[in-house]
């Protein structure tokens, strides 16, 4: 079972398309970004919180932010 499957399907129904992925580990960010892209999402990546804030402030719209803690 895909752990993010049901959640991603619910998001798609709400027309979420633009995601901001904040992850400093490229071994995680790369495959996750590719998988989300294959599902039809537009993914913008940032490796640091400050970069993510700059992207979000300048973006027309971000539907969902995915970040590591």
C-alpha atoms as a PDB file:
ATOM      1  CA  UNK A   1       0.000   0.000   0.000  1.00  0.00           C
ATOM      2  CA  UNK A   2       1.259   3.466  -0.861  1.00  0.00           C
ATOM      3  CA  UNK A   3       1.499   5.345   2.470  1.00  0.00           C
ATOM      4  CA  UNK A   4       0.628   8.670   0.860  1.00  0.00           C
ATOM      5  CA  UNK A   5      -1.934   7.246  -1.545  1.00  0.00           C
ATOM      6  CA  UNK A   6      -5.255   8.045   0.120  1.00  0.00           C
ATOM      7  CA  UNK A   7      -4.076  11.472   1.232  1.00  0.00           C
ATOM      8  CA  UNK A   8      -2.796  12.419  -2.242  1.00  0.00           C
ATOM      9  CA  UNK A   9      -6.027  11.236  -3.852  1.00  0.00           C
ATOM     10  CA  UNK A  10      -8.062  13.372  -1.458  1.00  0.00           C
ATOM     11  CA  UNK A  11      -5.864  16.385  -2.236  1.00  0.00           C
ATOM     12  CA  UNK A  12      -6.273  15.868  -5.966  1.00  0.00           C
ATOM     13  CA  UNK A  13     -10.037  16.022  -5.580  1.00  0.00           C
ATOM     14  CA  UNK A  14      -9.606  19.441  -3.990  1.00  0.00           C
ATOM     15  CA  UNK A  15      -7.554  20.526  -7.052  1.00  0.00           C
ATOM     16  CA  UNK A  16      -4.238  20.910  -5.264  1.00  0.00           C
ATOM     17  CA  UNK A  17      -1.655  21.202  -7.989  1.00  0.00           C
ATOM     18  CA  UNK A  18       1.202  23.442  -6.808  1.00  0.00           C
ATOM     19  CA  UNK A  19       3.409  21.986  -4.099  1.00  0.00           C
ATOM     20  CA  UNK A  20       6.410  23.408  -2.294  1.00  0.00           C
ATOM     21  CA  UNK A  21       8.711  20.609  -1.130  1.00  0.00           C
ATOM     22  CA  UNK A  22      11.163  21.655   1.591  1.00  0.00           C
ATOM     23  CA  UNK A  23      13.775  18.946   2.149  1.00  0.00           C
ATOM     24  CA  UNK A  24      17.522  19.258   2.627  1.00  0.00           C
ATOM     25  CA  UNK A  25      18.295  15.607   1.919  1.00  0.00           C
ATOM     26  CA  UNK A  26      18.446  15.124  -1.850  1.00  0.00           C
ATOM     27  CA  UNK A  27      18.162  11.333  -1.407  1.00  0.00           C
ATOM     28  CA  UNK A  28      14.631  11.998  -0.151  1.00  0.00           C
ATOM     29  CA  UNK A  29      13.752  15.120  -2.135  1.00  0.00           C
ATOM     30  CA  UNK A  30      14.662  13.777  -5.598  1.00  0.00           C
ATOM     31  CA  UNK A  31      12.500  10.617  -5.631  1.00  0.00           C
ATOM     32  CA  UNK A  32       9.629  12.330  -3.813  1.00  0.00           C
ATOM     33  CA  UNK A  33       9.682  15.224  -6.256  1.00  0.00           C
ATOM     34  CA  UNK A  34       9.732  12.840  -9.233  1.00  0.00           C
ATOM     35  CA  UNK A  35       6.856  10.783  -7.823  1.00  0.00           C
ATOM     36  CA  UNK A  36       4.724  13.864  -7.215  1.00  0.00           C
ATOM     37  CA  UNK A  37       5.545  15.164 -10.682  1.00  0.00           C
ATOM     38  CA  UNK A  38       4.451  11.845 -12.216  1.00  0.00           C
ATOM     39  CA  UNK A  39       1.137  12.225 -10.370  1.00  0.00           C
ATOM     40  CA  UNK A  40       0.584  15.550 -12.110  1.00  0.00           C
ATOM     41  CA  UNK A  41       1.640  17.988  -9.407  1.00  0.00           C
ATOM     42  CA  UNK A  42       3.808  21.021 -10.064  1.00  0.00           C
ATOM     43  CA  UNK A  43       6.628  20.739  -7.528  1.00  0.00           C
ATOM     44  CA  UNK A  44       8.927  23.548  -6.469  1.00  0.00           C
ATOM     45  CA  UNK A  45      11.809  22.492  -4.243  1.00  0.00           C
ATOM     46  CA  UNK A  46      13.720  24.291  -1.519  1.00  0.00           C
ATOM     47  CA  UNK A  47      16.481  22.818   0.607  1.00  0.00           C
ATOM     48  CA  UNK A  48      16.275  25.340   3.469  1.00  0.00           C
ATOM     49  CA  UNK A  49      13.487  27.042   5.361  1.00  0.00           C
ATOM     50  CA  UNK A  50      14.650  30.536   4.431  1.00  0.00           C
ATOM     51  CA  UNK A  51      14.676  29.567   0.751  1.00  0.00           C
ATOM     52  CA  UNK A  52      11.154  28.182   1.109  1.00  0.00           C
ATOM     53  CA  UNK A  53       9.938  31.425   2.677  1.00  0.00           C
ATOM     54  CA  UNK A  54      11.382  33.391  -0.231  1.00  0.00           C
ATOM     55  CA  UNK A  55       9.756  31.095  -2.768  1.00  0.00           C
ATOM     56  CA  UNK A  56       6.398  31.223  -0.991  1.00  0.00           C
ATOM     57  CA  UNK A  57       6.516  35.022  -0.700  1.00  0.00           C
ATOM     58  CA  UNK A  58       7.212  35.419  -4.412  1.00  0.00           C
ATOM     59  CA  UNK A  59       4.883  32.702  -5.662  1.00  0.00           C
ATOM     60  CA  UNK A  60       1.517  33.491  -7.131  1.00  0.00           C
ATOM     61  CA  UNK A  61       0.045  30.514  -5.326  1.00  0.00           C
ATOM     62  CA  UNK A  62       1.225  27.465  -3.391  1.00  0.00           C
ATOM     63  CA  UNK A  63      -1.482  24.930  -2.614  1.00  0.00           C
ATOM     64  CA  UNK A  64       0.455  22.735  -0.207  1.00  0.00           C
ATOM     65  CA  UNK A  65       3.829  22.789   1.558  1.00  0.00           C
ATOM     66  CA  UNK A  66       5.561  19.509   2.374  1.00  0.00           C
ATOM     67  CA  UNK A  67       8.466  19.856   4.773  1.00  0.00           C
ATOM     68  CA  UNK A  68      10.702  17.807   6.976  1.00  0.00           C
ATOM     69  CA  UNK A  69      11.111  18.555  10.661  1.00  0.00           C
END
